[in-house]
C-alpha cells in the first residue's frame, strides 16, 4: 500500500471524482455528454468514446490535485492508457490524484427492502490486476430502499466481508451502502445503517482500514462518529440524484464529509464544447464541489 497516497486520502483537502460509469450507465453518461447511441455500433466503440470523454476530463488543467484527492475508475478505464501510461499511473504520476477502481458487477433484485451486490466473479484476479496497475483502492455499491433491519444488516455484512478480502490484497475498500434519497423512511434507514456499520467497524482488527461512501444524511453531521473512527480513512458522499447545487448545499452542512460525485461532476460538459469552454465549465464545477467539501 502506498503510504503517501494513504496520507493524502486521510489528511488532504479536496474530494473524489467518480469516473466509474460502467456498461449499464455508460450510454446515459455519453448521451448527457452529447454523444448519442447512433455514434457507436458495439461495446468496444462505446468504451472508446467514454474513455475519450474521461481522458478529456482527466487531462484538463481544471482537473487539479489542489482540489481533487482521488478518482474512481471503471475496469475498462483502468485497462486503457492516457499518453502511453496506464490510467491509474497517469492520475498519480502526472496529476498527483489517487486512483480507485469500481469492482462491483451491479445490483441484485430488490429483497428485504434492499439491493445487495451481485456476485463478483474472479474478484481476486481483478484485485491482483488492480495492484499491478498501481490502483490504491476500490469501490462497490449496494442500495437501501426501505428501513428494513434485516436487509440493511445483510448489505453491511456483505460489504464488509468483501471489503476484508480487498484489504487483504493491499487495497483500501470504499464501502458504499447507498440510501435512496427518495425513500420515504430515509432517516430511519440511516439510523439502522450507522448502527450496523459501527458494529462491523468495532469487530475489525486494529490494522484494517476502510473508506465509506454514503448518501448525504437527513440530519446534518449524523455520520460524525464514523468520520472519526480509527478504522476509517475517509467518509465521502454521493450526490445520489440531487442536482449539483442541492448536493453541494447539503454537503456543506456536514463537517468532515467530502464529495464523491459522478453525474454532478460532469453536469454541463459537452463533446461539442471548445477546450476553453469545457475547461471553464469543469473548473467552475470542481471549485464549487471543493468548497462544499472543505467545511
Protein backbone atom coordinates (compact mmCIF):
# COMPACT_ATOMS: atom_id res chain seq x y z
CA UNK A 1 0.00 0.00 0.00
CA UNK A 2 1.30 3.42 -0.98
CA UNK A 3 1.75 5.35 2.28
CA UNK A 4 1.90 8.72 0.52
CA UNK A 5 -1.45 8.03 -1.11
CA UNK A 6 -2.91 6.83 2.20
CA UNK A 7 -1.81 10.04 3.93
CA UNK A 8 -3.22 12.13 1.12
CA UNK A 9 -6.60 10.43 1.34
CA UNK A 10 -6.69 10.65 5.12
CA UNK A 11 -5.48 14.20 5.66
CA UNK A 12 -5.78 16.00 2.31
CA UNK A 13 -8.29 18.69 1.36
CA UNK A 14 -10.47 18.05 -1.65
CA UNK A 15 -12.90 15.47 -3.00
CA UNK A 16 -13.05 12.28 -5.06
CA UNK A 17 -14.10 12.42 -8.71
CA UNK A 18 -16.28 9.44 -9.65
CA UNK A 19 -15.49 8.49 -13.27
CA UNK A 20 -16.75 4.93 -12.98
CA UNK A 21 -19.87 4.65 -15.14
CA UNK A 22 -19.98 1.02 -16.32
CA UNK A 23 -21.82 -0.95 -19.00
CA UNK A 24 -25.33 -0.11 -17.90
CA UNK A 25 -24.76 3.58 -17.21
CA UNK A 26 -22.24 4.39 -19.96
CA UNK A 27 -24.83 5.10 -22.73
CA UNK A 28 -26.61 7.57 -20.45
CA UNK A 29 -23.33 9.24 -19.48
CA UNK A 30 -22.38 9.59 -23.15
CA UNK A 31 -25.82 10.92 -24.04
CA UNK A 32 -25.58 13.60 -21.36
CA UNK A 33 -22.18 14.47 -22.85
CA UNK A 34 -23.77 14.90 -26.27
CA UNK A 35 -22.72 11.57 -27.80
CA UNK A 36 -25.83 9.69 -28.96
CA UNK A 37 -26.17 5.92 -29.33
CA UNK A 38 -26.05 6.11 -33.12
CA UNK A 39 -22.44 7.30 -32.75
CA UNK A 40 -21.26 3.75 -31.96
CA UNK A 41 -22.26 0.27 -33.06
CA UNK A 42 -20.79 -2.02 -30.39
CA UNK A 43 -19.44 -2.01 -26.84
CA UNK A 44 -15.81 -1.54 -27.90
CA UNK A 45 -16.67 1.64 -29.81
CA UNK A 46 -18.80 2.83 -26.89
CA UNK A 47 -16.00 2.29 -24.37
CA UNK A 48 -13.51 4.00 -26.66
CA UNK A 49 -15.77 7.06 -26.76
CA UNK A 50 -16.28 7.11 -23.00
CA UNK A 51 -12.52 6.75 -22.49
CA UNK A 52 -12.04 9.77 -24.71
CA UNK A 53 -14.51 11.68 -22.53
CA UNK A 54 -12.77 10.63 -19.32
CA UNK A 55 -9.35 11.37 -20.82
CA UNK A 56 -10.53 14.87 -21.69
CA UNK A 57 -11.68 15.40 -18.11
CA UNK A 58 -8.52 13.96 -16.54
CA UNK A 59 -6.13 15.87 -18.83
CA UNK A 60 -7.97 19.16 -18.34
CA UNK A 61 -5.93 21.71 -16.39
CA UNK A 62 -9.05 22.16 -14.24
CA UNK A 63 -8.71 18.53 -13.04
CA UNK A 64 -6.15 19.53 -10.46
CA UNK A 65 -4.84 17.92 -7.28
CA UNK A 66 -5.30 21.22 -5.45
CA UNK A 67 -8.99 20.33 -5.50
CA UNK A 68 -9.22 16.60 -6.25
CA UNK A 69 -7.82 13.91 -3.96
CA UNK A 70 -8.80 10.80 -5.89
CA UNK A 71 -10.64 9.44 -8.91
CA UNK A 72 -12.73 6.27 -9.23
CA UNK A 73 -12.28 4.34 -12.47
CA UNK A 74 -14.26 1.63 -14.23
CA UNK A 75 -12.34 -1.57 -15.04
CA UNK A 76 -12.29 -0.77 -18.75
CA UNK A 77 -10.73 2.62 -17.98
CA UNK A 78 -8.08 1.06 -15.73
CA UNK A 79 -7.07 -1.21 -18.60
CA UNK A 80 -6.61 1.68 -21.04
CA UNK A 81 -3.85 4.26 -21.32
CA UNK A 82 -3.52 8.03 -21.39
CA UNK A 83 -0.47 9.36 -23.22
CA UNK A 84 1.20 5.95 -23.03
CA UNK A 85 0.60 5.45 -19.28
CA UNK A 86 -1.97 3.20 -17.65
CA UNK A 87 -4.78 5.47 -16.48
CA UNK A 88 -4.01 4.91 -12.77
CA UNK A 89 -0.34 5.74 -13.36
CA UNK A 90 -1.26 8.88 -15.30
CA UNK A 91 -3.52 10.03 -12.45
CA UNK A 92 -0.82 9.61 -9.82
CA UNK A 93 2.37 10.42 -11.74
CA UNK A 94 1.05 13.35 -13.78
CA UNK A 95 -1.77 14.65 -11.60
CA UNK A 96 -0.96 13.54 -8.03
CA UNK A 97 -4.52 12.14 -7.82
CA UNK A 98 -5.11 8.79 -6.07
CA UNK A 99 -6.65 6.08 -8.30
CA UNK A 100 -9.54 3.83 -7.24
CA UNK A 101 -11.35 1.04 -9.10
CA UNK A 102 -15.06 0.16 -9.15
CA UNK A 103 -15.22 -3.61 -8.60
CA UNK A 104 -18.91 -4.45 -8.16
CA UNK A 105 -20.90 -6.00 -11.00
CA UNK A 106 -24.18 -4.26 -10.35
CA UNK A 107 -27.16 -4.81 -8.10
CA UNK A 108 -29.22 -7.88 -7.30
CA UNK A 109 -33.01 -7.75 -7.38
CA UNK A 110 -34.81 -5.99 -4.56
CA UNK A 111 -35.30 -8.20 -1.48
CA UNK A 112 -35.98 -7.22 2.14
CA UNK A 113 -36.06 -3.59 1.09
CA UNK A 114 -32.50 -3.57 -0.29
CA UNK A 115 -30.43 -4.45 -3.33
CA UNK A 116 -27.33 -6.41 -2.45
CA UNK A 117 -24.36 -6.57 -4.78
CA UNK A 118 -24.44 -9.28 -7.40
CA UNK A 119 -21.70 -11.90 -7.00
CA UNK A 120 -18.32 -10.64 -8.21
CA UNK A 121 -16.77 -13.49 -10.21
CA UNK A 122 -12.98 -13.58 -10.44
CA UNK A 123 -12.67 -10.80 -7.86
CA UNK A 124 -9.29 -12.00 -6.67
CA UNK A 125 -7.95 -11.90 -10.23
CA UNK A 126 -9.33 -8.37 -10.72
CA UNK A 127 -7.74 -7.21 -7.46
CA UNK A 128 -4.40 -8.70 -8.49
CA UNK A 129 -4.58 -6.76 -11.75
CA UNK A 130 -5.53 -3.58 -9.87
CA UNK A 131 -2.44 -3.95 -7.67
CA UNK A 132 -0.30 -4.45 -10.79
CA UNK A 133 -1.84 -1.29 -12.30
CA UNK A 134 -0.92 0.67 -9.12
CA UNK A 135 -4.50 1.25 -8.03
CA UNK A 136 -4.83 2.39 -4.40
CA UNK A 137 -8.38 1.30 -3.52
CA UNK A 138 -11.73 0.01 -4.72
CA UNK A 139 -15.40 0.94 -4.65
CA UNK A 140 -18.54 -1.21 -4.54
CA UNK A 141 -22.18 -0.13 -4.32
CA UNK A 142 -25.35 -1.52 -2.74
CA UNK A 143 -28.69 0.28 -2.36
CA UNK A 144 -31.11 0.60 0.56
CA UNK A 145 -34.71 1.35 -0.43
CA UNK A 146 -36.53 0.72 2.86
CA UNK A 147 -35.75 0.81 6.58
CA UNK A 148 -35.70 -2.98 6.83
CA UNK A 149 -33.28 -4.01 9.63
CA UNK A 150 -32.62 -7.48 8.18
CA UNK A 151 -31.95 -6.17 4.70
CA UNK A 152 -29.67 -3.37 5.90
CA UNK A 153 -27.74 -5.79 8.09
CA UNK A 154 -27.29 -8.11 5.11
CA UNK A 155 -25.98 -5.24 2.96
CA UNK A 156 -23.45 -4.09 5.56
CA UNK A 157 -22.26 -7.62 6.28
CA UNK A 158 -21.78 -8.30 2.57
CA UNK A 159 -19.92 -5.03 2.05
CA UNK A 160 -17.53 -5.63 4.94
CA UNK A 161 -16.99 -9.28 4.02
CA UNK A 162 -15.88 -8.32 0.53
CA UNK A 163 -14.07 -5.28 1.91
CA UNK A 164 -11.86 -7.50 4.06
CA UNK A 165 -10.95 -9.58 1.02
CA UNK A 166 -9.96 -6.37 -0.75
CA UNK A 167 -7.93 -5.06 2.18
CA UNK A 168 -6.01 -8.32 2.42
CA UNK A 169 -4.90 -7.77 -1.19
CA UNK A 170 -3.30 -4.48 -0.15
CA UNK A 171 -6.09 -2.16 -1.34
CA UNK A 172 -8.36 0.20 0.60
CA UNK A 173 -12.05 -0.62 0.02
CA UNK A 174 -14.65 2.11 -0.33
CA UNK A 175 -17.77 0.57 1.20
CA UNK A 176 -20.88 2.12 -0.38
CA UNK A 177 -24.29 1.19 1.07
CA UNK A 178 -26.30 3.96 -0.61
CA UNK A 179 -29.61 5.01 0.94
CA UNK A 180 -32.05 6.00 -1.78
CA UNK A 181 -32.66 9.74 -1.37
CA UNK A 182 -36.29 9.25 -2.44
CA UNK A 183 -37.01 6.65 0.24
CA UNK A 184 -39.91 7.78 2.47
CA UNK A 185 -38.08 6.44 5.54
CA UNK A 186 -34.57 7.61 4.58
CA UNK A 187 -33.75 8.96 8.04
CA UNK A 188 -34.79 5.71 9.73
CA UNK A 189 -32.69 3.72 7.25
CA UNK A 190 -29.69 5.89 8.07
CA UNK A 191 -30.02 5.20 11.77
CA UNK A 192 -30.11 1.45 11.21
CA UNK A 193 -27.25 1.71 8.72
CA UNK A 194 -24.98 3.65 11.06
CA UNK A 195 -25.54 1.15 13.87
CA UNK A 196 -24.69 -1.77 11.57
CA UNK A 197 -21.57 -0.04 10.24
CA UNK A 198 -20.38 0.68 13.77
CA UNK A 199 -20.85 -3.00 14.69
CA UNK A 200 -18.68 -4.02 11.76
CA UNK A 201 -16.02 -1.39 12.47
CA UNK A 202 -15.83 -2.46 16.10
CA UNK A 203 -15.21 -6.06 15.05
CA UNK A 204 -12.23 -5.25 12.77
CA UNK A 205 -8.64 -5.97 13.66
CA UNK A 206 -6.68 -2.88 14.60
CA UNK A 207 -4.74 -2.62 11.33
CA UNK A 208 -7.74 -2.81 8.97
CA UNK A 209 -8.62 0.44 7.19
CA UNK A 210 -11.67 1.21 5.06
CA UNK A 211 -13.42 4.16 3.49
CA UNK A 212 -17.16 4.77 3.43
CA UNK A 213 -19.29 6.29 0.67
CA UNK A 214 -22.73 7.26 1.94
CA UNK A 215 -25.74 9.30 0.92
CA UNK A 216 -25.75 12.79 2.40
CA UNK A 217 -27.63 12.27 5.69
CA UNK A 218 -31.03 13.71 6.52
CA UNK A 219 -29.72 15.02 9.86
CA UNK A 220 -26.63 17.19 9.49
CA UNK A 221 -23.38 15.71 10.87
CA UNK A 222 -25.11 12.40 11.55
CA UNK A 223 -22.04 10.47 10.41
CA UNK A 224 -19.55 12.32 12.62
CA UNK A 225 -18.95 9.17 14.66
CA UNK A 226 -17.96 7.30 11.52
CA UNK A 227 -15.70 10.09 10.28
CA UNK A 228 -13.61 9.94 13.48
CA UNK A 229 -13.47 6.13 13.76
CA UNK A 230 -9.83 4.95 13.72
CA UNK A 231 -10.56 2.30 11.06
CA UNK A 232 -11.98 4.89 8.64
CA UNK A 233 -9.62 6.67 6.25
CA UNK A 234 -12.36 8.97 4.93
CA UNK A 235 -16.13 9.24 4.63
CA UNK A 236 -17.29 10.53 1.25
CA UNK A 237 -20.75 11.42 -0.01
CA UNK A 238 -22.51 10.51 -3.24
CA UNK A 239 -24.79 13.02 -4.94
CA UNK A 240 -27.47 10.33 -5.22
CA UNK A 241 -29.71 12.10 -7.73
CA UNK A 242 -29.58 15.57 -6.21
CA UNK A 243 -28.70 18.39 -8.56
CA UNK A 244 -25.14 19.62 -8.13
CA UNK A 245 -26.34 22.79 -6.43
CA UNK A 246 -28.54 20.91 -3.97
CA UNK A 247 -25.86 18.27 -3.31
CA UNK A 248 -23.27 20.96 -2.62
CA UNK A 249 -25.62 22.83 -0.27
CA UNK A 250 -26.40 19.69 1.73
CA UNK A 251 -22.78 18.54 1.75
CA UNK A 252 -21.54 21.86 3.11
CA UNK A 253 -23.73 21.39 6.16
CA UNK A 254 -21.88 18.19 7.14
CA UNK A 255 -18.45 18.86 8.68
CA UNK A 256 -15.75 16.42 7.58
CA UNK A 257 -17.85 14.80 4.84
CA UNK A 258 -16.36 15.23 1.35
CA UNK A 259 -17.86 14.70 -2.09
CA UNK A 260 -17.53 11.72 -4.40
CA UNK A 261 -19.78 12.95 -7.20
CA UNK A 262 -20.29 11.42 -10.63
CA UNK A 263 -23.21 12.93 -12.55
CA UNK A 264 -22.89 16.19 -10.61
CA UNK A 265 -19.24 16.41 -11.68
CA UNK A 266 -19.93 16.05 -15.42
CA UNK A 267 -23.04 18.25 -15.41
CA UNK A 268 -22.75 20.89 -18.15
CA UNK A 269 -19.92 19.22 -20.06
CA UNK A 270 -20.38 18.52 -23.77
CA UNK A 271 -18.39 16.86 -26.53
CA UNK A 272 -19.08 19.86 -28.75
CA UNK A 273 -17.55 22.43 -26.40
CA UNK A 274 -14.26 24.06 -27.26
CA UNK A 275 -11.42 23.18 -24.92
CA UNK A 276 -11.63 26.65 -23.40
CA UNK A 277 -15.35 26.32 -22.67
CA UNK A 278 -15.00 22.72 -21.49
CA UNK A 279 -12.20 23.61 -19.08
CA UNK A 280 -14.05 26.68 -17.80
CA UNK A 281 -17.24 24.71 -17.03
CA UNK A 282 -15.29 21.85 -15.43
CA UNK A 283 -13.18 24.30 -13.43
CA UNK A 284 -16.21 26.08 -12.02
CA UNK A 285 -17.84 22.75 -11.14
CA UNK A 286 -14.72 21.44 -9.42
CA UNK A 287 -14.32 24.60 -7.35
CA UNK A 288 -17.93 24.55 -6.14
CA UNK A 289 -17.68 20.86 -5.15
CA UNK A 290 -14.33 21.51 -3.46
CA UNK A 291 -15.72 24.44 -1.47
CA UNK A 292 -18.62 22.28 -0.25
CA UNK A 293 -16.15 19.54 0.75
CA UNK A 294 -13.82 21.59 2.97
CA UNK A 295 -16.36 22.88 5.50
